PDB file of all heavy atoms in Angstrom:
ATOM      1  N   SER A   1     171.973 -64.596 125.539  1.00  0.00           N
ATOM      2  CA  SER A   1     171.321 -63.599 124.677  1.00  0.00           C
ATOM      3  C   SER A   1     171.609 -63.861 123.205  1.00  0.00           C
ATOM      4  O   SER A   1     170.723 -63.745 122.351  1.00  0.00           O
ATOM      5  CB  SER A   1     171.795 -62.191 125.055  1.00  0.00           C
ATOM      6  OG  SER A   1     171.380 -61.844 126.354  1.00  0.00           O
ATOM      7  N   LEU A   2     172.851 -64.220 122.894  1.00  0.00           N
ATOM      8  CA  LEU A   2     173.229 -64.505 121.513  1.00  0.00           C
ATOM      9  C   LEU A   2     172.433 -65.667 120.943  1.00  0.00           C
ATOM     10  O   LEU A   2     171.973 -65.621 119.793  1.00  0.00           O
ATOM     11  CB  LEU A   2     174.724 -64.830 121.436  1.00  0.00           C
ATOM     12  CG  LEU A   2     175.681 -63.705 121.077  1.00  0.00           C
ATOM     13  CD1 LEU A   2     177.113 -64.174 121.247  1.00  0.00           C
ATOM     14  CD2 LEU A   2     175.438 -63.208 119.662  1.00  0.00           C
ATOM     15  N   THR A   3     172.273 -66.704 121.744  1.00  0.00           N
ATOM     16  CA  THR A   3     171.517 -67.870 121.280  1.00  0.00           C
ATOM     17  C   THR A   3     170.093 -67.476 120.916  1.00  0.00           C
ATOM     18  O   THR A   3     169.579 -67.850 119.847  1.00  0.00           O
ATOM     19  CB  THR A   3     171.498 -68.955 122.370  1.00  0.00           C
ATOM     20  OG1 THR A   3     172.840 -69.354 122.663  1.00  0.00           O
ATOM     21  CG2 THR A   3     170.708 -70.167 121.913  1.00  0.00           C
ATOM     22  N   VAL A   4     169.457 -66.707 121.776  1.00  0.00           N
ATOM     23  CA  VAL A   4     168.079 -66.275 121.519  1.00  0.00           C
ATOM     24  C   VAL A   4     168.013 -65.429 120.251  1.00  0.00           C
ATOM     25  O   VAL A   4     167.141 -65.644 119.385  1.00  0.00           O
ATOM     26  CB  VAL A   4     167.528 -65.479 122.723  1.00  0.00           C
ATOM     27  CG1 VAL A   4     166.139 -64.915 122.389  1.00  0.00           C
ATOM     28  CG2 VAL A   4     167.461 -66.362 123.963  1.00  0.00           C
ATOM     29  N   LYS A   5     168.931 -64.475 120.108  1.00  0.00           N
ATOM     30  CA  LYS A   5     168.921 -63.588 118.932  1.00  0.00           C
ATOM     31  C   LYS A   5     169.160 -64.367 117.646  1.00  0.00           C
ATOM     32  O   LYS A   5     168.530 -64.095 116.607  1.00  0.00           O
ATOM     33  CB  LYS A   5     169.988 -62.501 119.085  1.00  0.00           C
ATOM     34  CG  LYS A   5     169.814 -61.598 120.286  1.00  0.00           C
ATOM     35  CD  LYS A   5     168.549 -60.770 120.214  1.00  0.00           C
ATOM     36  CE  LYS A   5     168.437 -59.852 121.435  1.00  0.00           C
ATOM     37  NZ  LYS A   5     167.144 -59.120 121.449  1.00  0.00           N
ATOM     38  N   LEU A   6     170.077 -65.326 117.688  1.00  0.00           N
ATOM     39  CA  LEU A   6     170.387 -66.099 116.487  1.00  0.00           C
ATOM     40  C   LEU A   6     169.229 -67.018 116.094  1.00  0.00           C
ATOM     41  O   LEU A   6     168.943 -67.192 114.902  1.00  0.00           O
ATOM     42  CB  LEU A   6     171.668 -66.907 116.699  1.00  0.00           C
ATOM     43  CG  LEU A   6     172.962 -66.080 116.762  1.00  0.00           C
ATOM     44  CD1 LEU A   6     174.133 -66.955 117.199  1.00  0.00           C
ATOM     45  CD2 LEU A   6     173.263 -65.427 115.413  1.00  0.00           C
ATOM     46  N   ILE A   7     168.579 -67.594 117.085  1.00  0.00           N
ATOM     47  CA  ILE A   7     167.393 -68.401 116.791  1.00  0.00           C
ATOM     48  C   ILE A   7     166.324 -67.527 116.143  1.00  0.00           C
ATOM     49  O   ILE A   7     165.701 -67.907 115.133  1.00  0.00           O
ATOM     50  CB  ILE A   7     166.835 -69.058 118.079  1.00  0.00           C
ATOM     51  CG1 ILE A   7     167.757 -70.170 118.565  1.00  0.00           C
ATOM     52  CG2 ILE A   7     165.412 -69.581 117.856  1.00  0.00           C
ATOM     53  CD1 ILE A   7     167.801 -71.405 117.687  1.00  0.00           C
ATOM     54  N   GLN A   8     166.121 -66.332 116.674  1.00  0.00           N
ATOM     55  CA  GLN A   8     165.139 -65.404 116.117  1.00  0.00           C
ATOM     56  C   GLN A   8     165.520 -64.977 114.700  1.00  0.00           C
ATOM     57  O   GLN A   8     164.647 -64.673 113.881  1.00  0.00           O
ATOM     58  CB  GLN A   8     165.003 -64.178 117.018  1.00  0.00           C
ATOM     59  CG  GLN A   8     164.365 -64.490 118.370  1.00  0.00           C
ATOM     60  CD  GLN A   8     164.417 -63.304 119.336  1.00  0.00           C
ATOM     61  OE1 GLN A   8     165.125 -62.331 119.107  1.00  0.00           O
ATOM     62  NE2 GLN A   8     163.657 -63.391 120.425  1.00  0.00           N
ATOM     63  N   ALA A   9     166.831 -64.956 114.417  1.00  0.00           N
ATOM     64  CA  ALA A   9     167.304 -64.552 113.091  1.00  0.00           C
ATOM     65  C   ALA A   9     167.284 -65.705 112.093  1.00  0.00           C
ATOM     66  O   ALA A   9     167.669 -65.526 110.930  1.00  0.00           O
ATOM     67  CB  ALA A   9     168.724 -63.987 113.191  1.00  0.00           C
ATOM     68  N   GLY A  10     166.862 -66.895 112.546  1.00  0.00           N
ATOM     69  CA  GLY A  10     166.706 -68.014 111.621  1.00  0.00           C
ATOM     70  C   GLY A  10     167.857 -68.994 111.565  1.00  0.00           C
ATOM     71  O   GLY A  10     167.903 -69.860 110.680  1.00  0.00           O
ATOM     72  N   TYR A  11     168.797 -68.898 112.502  1.00  0.00           N
ATOM     73  CA  TYR A  11     169.929 -69.826 112.528  1.00  0.00           C
ATOM     74  C   TYR A  11     169.533 -71.138 113.210  1.00  0.00           C
ATOM     75  O   TYR A  11     168.644 -71.171 114.061  1.00  0.00           O
ATOM     76  CB  TYR A  11     171.100 -69.234 113.318  1.00  0.00           C
ATOM     77  CG  TYR A  11     171.890 -68.165 112.611  1.00  0.00           C
ATOM     78  CD1 TYR A  11     171.416 -66.856 112.538  1.00  0.00           C
ATOM     79  CD2 TYR A  11     173.124 -68.449 112.036  1.00  0.00           C
ATOM     80  CE1 TYR A  11     172.152 -65.861 111.907  1.00  0.00           C
ATOM     81  CE2 TYR A  11     173.874 -67.456 111.408  1.00  0.00           C
ATOM     82  CZ  TYR A  11     173.374 -66.166 111.349  1.00  0.00           C
ATOM     83  OH  TYR A  11     174.112 -65.179 110.728  1.00  0.00           O
ATOM     84  N   THR A  12     170.238 -72.184 112.850  1.00  0.00           N
ATOM     85  CA  THR A  12     170.281 -73.385 113.666  1.00  0.00           C
ATOM     86  C   THR A  12     171.453 -73.188 114.616  1.00  0.00           C
ATOM     87  O   THR A  12     172.580 -72.924 114.173  1.00  0.00           O
ATOM     88  CB  THR A  12     170.517 -74.642 112.812  1.00  0.00           C
ATOM     89  OG1 THR A  12     169.369 -74.861 111.985  1.00  0.00           O
ATOM     90  CG2 THR A  12     170.763 -75.863 113.684  1.00  0.00           C
ATOM     91  N   VAL A  13     171.186 -73.277 115.915  1.00  0.00           N
ATOM     92  CA  VAL A  13     172.214 -72.924 116.892  1.00  0.00           C
ATOM     93  C   VAL A  13     172.581 -74.128 117.754  1.00  0.00           C
ATOM     94  O   VAL A  13     171.695 -74.812 118.299  1.00  0.00           O
ATOM     95  CB  VAL A  13     171.743 -71.765 117.808  1.00  0.00           C
ATOM     96  CG1 VAL A  13     172.835 -71.408 118.820  1.00  0.00           C
ATOM     97  CG2 VAL A  13     171.372 -70.540 116.972  1.00  0.00           C
ATOM     98  N   TYR A  14     173.883 -74.352 117.888  1.00  0.00           N
ATOM     99  CA  TYR A  14     174.413 -75.313 118.836  1.00  0.00           C
ATOM    100  C   TYR A  14     174.973 -74.503 120.000  1.00  0.00           C
ATOM    101  O   TYR A  14     176.025 -73.855 119.873  1.00  0.00           O
ATOM    102  CB  TYR A  14     175.491 -76.184 118.186  1.00  0.00           C
ATOM    103  CG  TYR A  14     174.900 -77.168 117.210  1.00  0.00           C
ATOM    104  CD1 TYR A  14     174.612 -76.777 115.899  1.00  0.00           C
ATOM    105  CD2 TYR A  14     174.593 -78.474 117.596  1.00  0.00           C
ATOM    106  CE1 TYR A  14     174.027 -77.665 114.999  1.00  0.00           C
ATOM    107  CE2 TYR A  14     174.013 -79.370 116.708  1.00  0.00           C
ATOM    108  CZ  TYR A  14     173.733 -78.954 115.412  1.00  0.00           C
ATOM    109  OH  TYR A  14     173.146 -79.842 114.525  1.00  0.00           O
ATOM    110  N   ALA A  15     174.235 -74.492 121.094  1.00  0.00           N
ATOM    111  CA  ALA A  15     174.576 -73.683 122.258  1.00  0.00           C
ATOM    112  C   ALA A  15     175.256 -74.559 123.300  1.00  0.00           C
ATOM    113  O   ALA A  15     174.653 -75.526 123.795  1.00  0.00           O
ATOM    114  CB  ALA A  15     173.315 -73.051 122.840  1.00  0.00           C
ATOM    115  N   THR A  16     176.497 -74.261 123.614  1.00  0.00           N
ATOM    116  CA  THR A  16     177.216 -75.101 124.560  1.00  0.00           C
ATOM    117  C   THR A  16     177.126 -74.530 125.971  1.00  0.00           C
ATOM    118  O   THR A  16     177.076 -73.325 126.175  1.00  0.00           O
ATOM    119  CB  THR A  16     178.698 -75.268 124.183  1.00  0.00           C
ATOM    120  OG1 THR A  16     179.441 -74.110 124.596  1.00  0.00           O
ATOM    121  CG2 THR A  16     178.863 -75.489 122.695  1.00  0.00           C
ATOM    122  N   MET A  17     177.107 -75.441 126.930  1.00  0.00           N
ATOM    123  CA  MET A  17     177.133 -75.035 128.333  1.00  0.00           C
ATOM    124  C   MET A  17     177.744 -76.150 129.160  1.00  0.00           C
ATOM    125  O   MET A  17     177.681 -77.329 128.793  1.00  0.00           O
ATOM    126  CB  MET A  17     175.736 -74.673 128.840  1.00  0.00           C
ATOM    127  CG  MET A  17     174.672 -75.748 128.678  1.00  0.00           C
ATOM    128  SD  MET A  17     173.055 -75.234 129.347  1.00  0.00           S
ATOM    129  CE  MET A  17     172.619 -73.867 128.278  1.00  0.00           C
ATOM    130  N   ARG A  18     178.354 -75.748 130.270  1.00  0.00           N
ATOM    131  CA  ARG A  18     179.024 -76.735 131.129  1.00  0.00           C
ATOM    132  C   ARG A  18     178.041 -77.449 132.043  1.00  0.00           C
ATOM    133  O   ARG A  18     178.255 -78.594 132.431  1.00  0.00           O
ATOM    134  CB  ARG A  18     180.099 -76.035 131.965  1.00  0.00           C
ATOM    135  CG  ARG A  18     180.959 -76.962 132.792  1.00  0.00           C
ATOM    136  CD  ARG A  18     182.079 -76.223 133.477  1.00  0.00           C
ATOM    137  NE  ARG A  18     181.583 -75.145 134.329  1.00  0.00           N
ATOM    138  CZ  ARG A  18     182.364 -74.377 135.070  1.00  0.00           C
ATOM    139  NH1 ARG A  18     183.673 -74.531 135.021  1.00  0.00           N
ATOM    140  NH2 ARG A  18     181.847 -73.430 135.829  1.00  0.00           N
ATOM    141  N   SER A  19     176.962 -76.760 132.410  1.00  0.00           N
ATOM    142  CA  SER A  19     175.964 -77.346 133.293  1.00  0.00           C
ATOM    143  C   SER A  19     174.594 -77.259 132.646  1.00  0.00           C
ATOM    144  O   SER A  19     174.235 -76.222 132.093  1.00  0.00           O
ATOM    145  CB  SER A  19     175.949 -76.617 134.638  1.00  0.00           C
ATOM    146  OG  SER A  19     174.841 -77.026 135.416  1.00  0.00           O
ATOM    147  N   PRO A  20     173.807 -78.328 132.710  1.00  0.00           N
ATOM    148  CA  PRO A  20     172.482 -78.313 132.088  1.00  0.00           C
ATOM    149  C   PRO A  20     171.424 -77.608 132.930  1.00  0.00           C
ATOM    150  O   PRO A  20     170.244 -77.600 132.577  1.00  0.00           O
ATOM    151  CB  PRO A  20     172.162 -79.802 131.951  1.00  0.00           C
ATOM    152  CG  PRO A  20     172.875 -80.432 133.105  1.00  0.00           C
ATOM    153  CD  PRO A  20     174.140 -79.639 133.293  1.00  0.00           C
ATOM    154  N   LYS A  21     171.831 -76.982 134.041  1.00  0.00           N
ATOM    155  CA  LYS A  21     170.868 -76.386 134.961  1.00  0.00           C
ATOM    156  C   LYS A  21     169.988 -75.327 134.302  1.00  0.00           C
ATOM    157  O   LYS A  21     168.828 -75.168 134.666  1.00  0.00           O
ATOM    158  CB  LYS A  21     171.597 -75.772 136.161  1.00  0.00           C
ATOM    159  CG  LYS A  21     172.251 -76.795 137.080  1.00  0.00           C
ATOM    160  CD  LYS A  21     172.955 -76.119 138.232  1.00  0.00           C
ATOM    161  CE  LYS A  21     173.635 -77.138 139.141  1.00  0.00           C
ATOM    162  NZ  LYS A  21     174.363 -76.496 140.265  1.00  0.00           N
ATOM    163  N   THR A  22     170.550 -74.570 133.358  1.00  0.00           N
ATOM    164  CA  THR A  22     169.783 -73.490 132.737  1.00  0.00           C
ATOM    165  C   THR A  22     169.252 -73.868 131.355  1.00  0.00           C
ATOM    166  O   THR A  22     168.758 -73.016 130.633  1.00  0.00           O
ATOM    167  CB  THR A  22     170.648 -72.220 132.608  1.00  0.00           C
ATOM    168  OG1 THR A  22     171.818 -72.534 131.842  1.00  0.00           O
ATOM    169  CG2 THR A  22     171.059 -71.700 133.974  1.00  0.00           C
ATOM    170  N   GLN A  23     169.351 -75.141 130.999  1.00  0.00           N
ATOM    171  CA  GLN A  23     168.894 -75.565 129.675  1.00  0.00           C
ATOM    172  C   GLN A  23     167.412 -75.257 129.467  1.00  0.00           C
ATOM    173  O   GLN A  23     167.017 -74.745 128.419  1.00  0.00           O
ATOM    174  CB  GLN A  23     169.147 -77.058 129.470  1.00  0.00           C
ATOM    175  CG  GLN A  23     168.684 -77.557 128.105  1.00  0.00           C
ATOM    176  CD  GLN A  23     169.097 -78.998 127.844  1.00  0.00           C
ATOM    177  OE1 GLN A  23     170.017 -79.511 128.482  1.00  0.00           O
ATOM    178  NE2 GLN A  23     168.425 -79.655 126.915  1.00  0.00           N
ATOM    179  N   ASN A  24     166.594 -75.563 130.463  1.00  0.00           N
ATOM    180  CA  ASN A  24     165.160 -75.319 130.323  1.00  0.00           C
ATOM    181  C   ASN A  24     164.852 -73.842 130.113  1.00  0.00           C
ATOM    182  O   ASN A  24     163.993 -73.483 129.300  1.00  0.00           O
ATOM    183  CB  ASN A  24     164.413 -75.836 131.562  1.00  0.00           C
ATOM    184  CG  ASN A  24     164.403 -77.355 131.636  1.00  0.00           C
ATOM    185  OD1 ASN A  24     164.609 -78.029 130.641  1.00  0.00           O
ATOM    186  ND2 ASN A  24     164.168 -77.884 132.827  1.00  0.00           N
ATOM    187  N   ARG A  25     165.564 -72.994 130.842  1.00  0.00           N
ATOM    188  CA  ARG A  25     165.340 -71.549 130.704  1.00  0.00           C
ATOM    189  C   ARG A  25     165.714 -71.071 129.309  1.00  0.00           C
ATOM    190  O   ARG A  25     165.033 -70.242 128.710  1.00  0.00           O
ATOM    191  CB  ARG A  25     166.149 -70.786 131.766  1.00  0.00           C
ATOM    192  CG  ARG A  25     165.778 -69.310 131.878  1.00  0.00           C
ATOM    193  CD  ARG A  25     166.372 -68.710 133.147  1.00  0.00           C
ATOM    194  NE  ARG A  25     167.813 -68.620 133.082  1.00  0.00           N
ATOM    195  CZ  ARG A  25     168.474 -67.564 132.593  1.00  0.00           C
ATOM    196  NH1 ARG A  25     167.808 -66.524 132.113  1.00  0.00           N
ATOM    197  NH2 ARG A  25     169.790 -67.543 132.580  1.00  0.00           N
ATOM    198  N   LEU A  26     166.810 -71.606 128.770  1.00  0.00           N
ATOM    199  CA  LEU A  26     167.229 -71.229 127.421  1.00  0.00           C
ATOM    200  C   LEU A  26     166.222 -71.720 126.394  1.00  0.00           C
ATOM    201  O   LEU A  26     165.868 -71.005 125.450  1.00  0.00           O
ATOM    202  CB  LEU A  26     168.619 -71.804 127.126  1.00  0.00           C
ATOM    203  CG  LEU A  26     169.205 -71.479 125.749  1.00  0.00           C
ATOM    204  CD1 LEU A  26     169.356 -69.970 125.556  1.00  0.00           C
ATOM    205  CD2 LEU A  26     170.551 -72.172 125.564  1.00  0.00           C
ATOM    206  N   GLU A  27     165.745 -72.939 126.563  1.00  0.00           N
ATOM    207  CA  GLU A  27     164.759 -73.485 125.623  1.00  0.00           C
ATOM    208  C   GLU A  27     163.478 -72.658 125.632  1.00  0.00           C
ATOM    209  O   GLU A  27     162.887 -72.393 124.576  1.00  0.00           O
ATOM    210  CB  GLU A  27     164.464 -74.941 125.991  1.00  0.00           C
ATOM    211  CG  GLU A  27     165.631 -75.881 125.689  1.00  0.00           C
ATOM    212  CD  GLU A  27     165.412 -77.296 126.207  1.00  0.00           C
ATOM    213  OE1 GLU A  27     164.498 -77.479 127.053  1.00  0.00           O
ATOM    214  OE2 GLU A  27     166.132 -78.206 125.766  1.00  0.00           O
ATOM    215  N   GLU A  28     163.063 -72.237 126.820  1.00  0.00           N
ATOM    216  CA  GLU A  28     161.864 -71.396 126.918  1.00  0.00           C
ATOM    217  C   GLU A  28     162.078 -70.055 126.238  1.00  0.00           C
ATOM    218  O   GLU A  28     161.207 -69.549 125.514  1.00  0.00           O
ATOM    219  CB  GLU A  28     161.493 -71.191 128.386  1.00  0.00           C
ATOM    220  CG  GLU A  28     160.938 -72.429 129.065  1.00  0.00           C
ATOM    221  CD  GLU A  28     160.677 -72.209 130.541  1.00  0.00           C
ATOM    222  OE1 GLU A  28     160.816 -71.055 131.002  1.00  0.00           O
ATOM    223  OE2 GLU A  28     160.335 -73.186 131.234  1.00  0.00           O
ATOM    224  N   ALA A  29     163.256 -69.454 126.453  1.00  0.00           N
ATOM    225  CA  ALA A  29     163.563 -68.154 125.851  1.00  0.00           C
ATOM    226  C   ALA A  29     163.602 -68.241 124.329  1.00  0.00           C
ATOM    227  O   ALA A  29     163.328 -67.253 123.634  1.00  0.00           O
ATOM    228  CB  ALA A  29     164.896 -67.628 126.380  1.00  0.00           C
ATOM    229  N   CYS A  30     163.940 -69.416 123.816  1.00  0.00           N
ATOM    230  CA  CYS A  30     163.993 -69.633 122.365  1.00  0.00           C
ATOM    231  C   CYS A  30     162.671 -70.174 121.815  1.00  0.00           C
ATOM    232  O   CYS A  30     162.614 -70.618 120.647  1.00  0.00           O
ATOM    233  CB  CYS A  30     165.135 -70.594 122.020  1.00  0.00           C
ATOM    234  SG  CYS A  30     166.780 -69.922 122.336  1.00  0.00           S
ATOM    235  N   GLY A  31     161.641 -70.148 122.631  1.00  0.00           N
ATOM    236  CA  GLY A  31     160.326 -70.610 122.169  1.00  0.00           C
ATOM    237  C   GLY A  31     160.287 -72.081 121.840  1.00  0.00           C
ATOM    238  O   GLY A  31     159.497 -72.512 120.998  1.00  0.00           O
ATOM    239  N   HIS A  32     161.143 -72.861 122.518  1.00  0.00           N
ATOM    240  CA  HIS A  32     161.233 -74.310 122.286  1.00  0.00           C
ATOM    241  C   HIS A  32     161.453 -74.622 120.795  1.00  0.00           C
ATOM    242  O   HIS A  32     160.892 -75.576 120.246  1.00  0.00           O
ATOM    243  CB  HIS A  32     159.983 -75.024 122.808  1.00  0.00           C
ATOM    244  CG  HIS A  32     159.813 -74.887 124.296  1.00  0.00           C
ATOM    245  ND1 HIS A  32     160.538 -75.638 125.187  1.00  0.00           N
ATOM    246  CD2 HIS A  32     159.019 -74.066 125.037  1.00  0.00           C
ATOM    247  CE1 HIS A  32     160.193 -75.297 126.433  1.00  0.00           C
ATOM    248  NE2 HIS A  32     159.275 -74.349 126.370  1.00  0.00           N
ATOM    249  N   SER A  33     162.286 -73.792 120.177  1.00  0.00           N
ATOM    250  CA  SER A  33     162.587 -73.957 118.756  1.00  0.00           C
ATOM    251  C   SER A  33     163.318 -75.274 118.488  1.00  0.00           C
ATOM    252  O   SER A  33     164.227 -75.667 119.238  1.00  0.00           O
ATOM    253  CB  SER A  33     163.463 -72.791 118.274  1.00  0.00           C
ATOM    254  OG  SER A  33     163.947 -73.026 116.973  1.00  0.00           O
ATOM    255  N   LYS A  34     162.945 -75.929 117.415  1.00  0.00           N
ATOM    256  CA  LYS A  34     163.629 -77.153 117.015  1.00  0.00           C
ATOM    257  C   LYS A  34     165.018 -76.866 116.452  1.00  0.00           C
ATOM    258  O   LYS A  34     165.807 -77.795 116.234  1.00  0.00           O
ATOM    259  CB  LYS A  34     162.784 -77.901 115.979  1.00  0.00           C
ATOM    260  CG  LYS A  34     161.476 -78.451 116.545  1.00  0.00           C
ATOM    261  CD  LYS A  34     160.695 -79.214 115.489  1.00  0.00           C
ATOM    262  CE  LYS A  34     159.400 -79.775 116.065  1.00  0.00           C
ATOM    263  NZ  LYS A  34     158.612 -80.524 115.047  1.00  0.00           N
ATOM    264  N   GLN A  35     165.295 -75.570 116.212  1.00  0.00           N
ATOM    265  CA  GLN A  35     166.606 -75.191 115.678  1.00  0.00           C
ATOM    266  C   GLN A  35     167.650 -75.007 116.785  1.00  0.00           C
ATOM    267  O   GLN A  35     168.812 -74.771 116.500  1.00  0.00           O
ATOM    268  CB  GLN A  35     166.486 -73.888 114.878  1.00  0.00           C
ATOM    269  CG  GLN A  35     165.521 -73.949 113.696  1.00  0.00           C
ATOM    270  CD  GLN A  35     165.849 -75.092 112.757  1.00  0.00           C
ATOM    271  OE1 GLN A  35     165.008 -75.938 112.437  1.00  0.00           O
ATOM    272  NE2 GLN A  35     167.097 -75.142 112.307  1.00  0.00           N
ATOM    273  N   LEU A  36     167.207 -75.128 118.033  1.00  0.00           N
ATOM    274  CA  LEU A  36     168.131 -75.012 119.163  1.00  0.00           C
ATOM    275  C   LEU A  36     168.623 -76.396 119.573  1.00  0.00           C
ATOM    276  O   LEU A  36     167.835 -77.319 119.776  1.00  0.00           O
ATOM    277  CB  LEU A  36     167.435 -74.347 120.354  1.00  0.00           C
ATOM    278  CG  LEU A  36     168.231 -74.349 121.679  1.00  0.00           C
ATOM    279  CD1 LEU A  36     169.506 -73.526 121.544  1.00  0.00           C
ATOM    280  CD2 LEU A  36     167.369 -73.844 122.822  1.00  0.00           C
ATOM    281  N   ASN A  37     169.944 -76.510 119.694  1.00  0.00           N
ATOM    282  CA  ASN A  37     170.567 -77.755 120.130  1.00  0.00           C
ATOM    283  C   ASN A  37     171.536 -77.429 121.268  1.00  0.00           C
ATOM    284  O   ASN A  37     172.516 -76.700 121.063  1.00  0.00           O
ATOM    285  CB  ASN A  37     171.346 -78.407 118.983  1.00  0.00           C
ATOM    286  CG  ASN A  37     170.487 -78.623 117.755  1.00  0.00           C
ATOM    287  OD1 ASN A  37     169.811 -79.617 117.629  1.00  0.00           O
ATOM    288  ND2 ASN A  37     170.508 -77.650 116.838  1.00  0.00           N
ATOM    289  N   VAL A  38     171.253 -77.929 122.448  1.00  0.00           N
ATOM    290  CA  VAL A  38     172.120 -77.681 123.603  1.00  0.00           C
ATOM    291  C   VAL A  38     173.170 -78.788 123.680  1.00  0.00           C
ATOM    292  O   VAL A  38     172.835 -79.976 123.630  1.00  0.00           O
ATOM    293  CB  VAL A  38     171.304 -77.607 124.904  1.00  0.00           C
ATOM    294  CG1 VAL A  38     172.233 -77.459 126.108  1.00  0.00           C
ATOM    295  CG2 VAL A  38     170.312 -76.443 124.844  1.00  0.00           C
ATOM    296  N   VAL A  39     174.436 -78.371 123.782  1.00  0.00           N
ATOM    297  CA  VAL A  39     175.549 -79.315 123.788  1.00  0.00           C
ATOM    298  C   VAL A  39     176.352 -79.152 125.074  1.00  0.00           C
ATOM    299  O   VAL A  39     176.743 -78.030 125.428  1.00  0.00           O
ATOM    300  CB  VAL A  39     176.476 -79.070 122.570  1.00  0.00           C
ATOM    301  CG1 VAL A  39     177.652 -80.049 122.584  1.00  0.00           C
ATOM    302  CG2 VAL A  39     175.699 -79.191 121.270  1.00  0.00           C
ATOM    303  N   PHE A  40     176.605 -80.240 125.772  1.00  0.00           N
ATOM    304  CA  PHE A  40     177.447 -80.188 126.964  1.00  0.00           C
ATOM    305  C   PHE A  40     178.895 -79.953 126.546  1.00  0.00           C
ATOM    306  O   PHE A  40     179.420 -80.628 125.658  1.00  0.00           O
ATOM    307  CB  PHE A  40     177.350 -81.494 127.759  1.00  0.00           C
ATOM    308  CG  PHE A  40     178.373 -81.591 128.868  1.00  0.00           C
ATOM    309  CD1 PHE A  40     178.188 -80.893 130.047  1.00  0.00           C
ATOM    310  CD2 PHE A  40     179.525 -82.350 128.705  1.00  0.00           C
ATOM    311  CE1 PHE A  40     179.134 -80.963 131.068  1.00  0.00           C
ATOM    312  CE2 PHE A  40     180.478 -82.425 129.720  1.00  0.00           C
ATOM    313  CZ  PHE A  40     180.274 -81.728 130.907  1.00  0.00           C
ATOM    314  N   LEU A  41     179.552 -79.005 127.199  1.00  0.00           N
ATOM    315  CA  LEU A  41     180.947 -78.717 126.875  1.00  0.00           C
ATOM    316  C   LEU A  41     181.650 -78.129 128.087  1.00  0.00           C
ATOM    317  O   LEU A  41     181.285 -77.066 128.589  1.00  0.00           O
ATOM    318  CB  LEU A  41     181.032 -77.724 125.709  1.00  0.00           C
ATOM    319  CG  LEU A  41     182.432 -77.206 125.341  1.00  0.00           C
ATOM    320  CD1 LEU A  41     183.377 -78.354 125.017  1.00  0.00           C
ATOM    321  CD2 LEU A  41     182.346 -76.236 124.171  1.00  0.00           C
TER     322      LEU A  41
END
């Protein structure tokens, strides 16, 4: 939720996750914004 809100607020966001399984869902929720960067962590 934070990632989506921050993207909507105009941030460039580095969103970390341990598994890439939900990456597509997050990208869709963020409107495939170029400001979203998913990082494995």
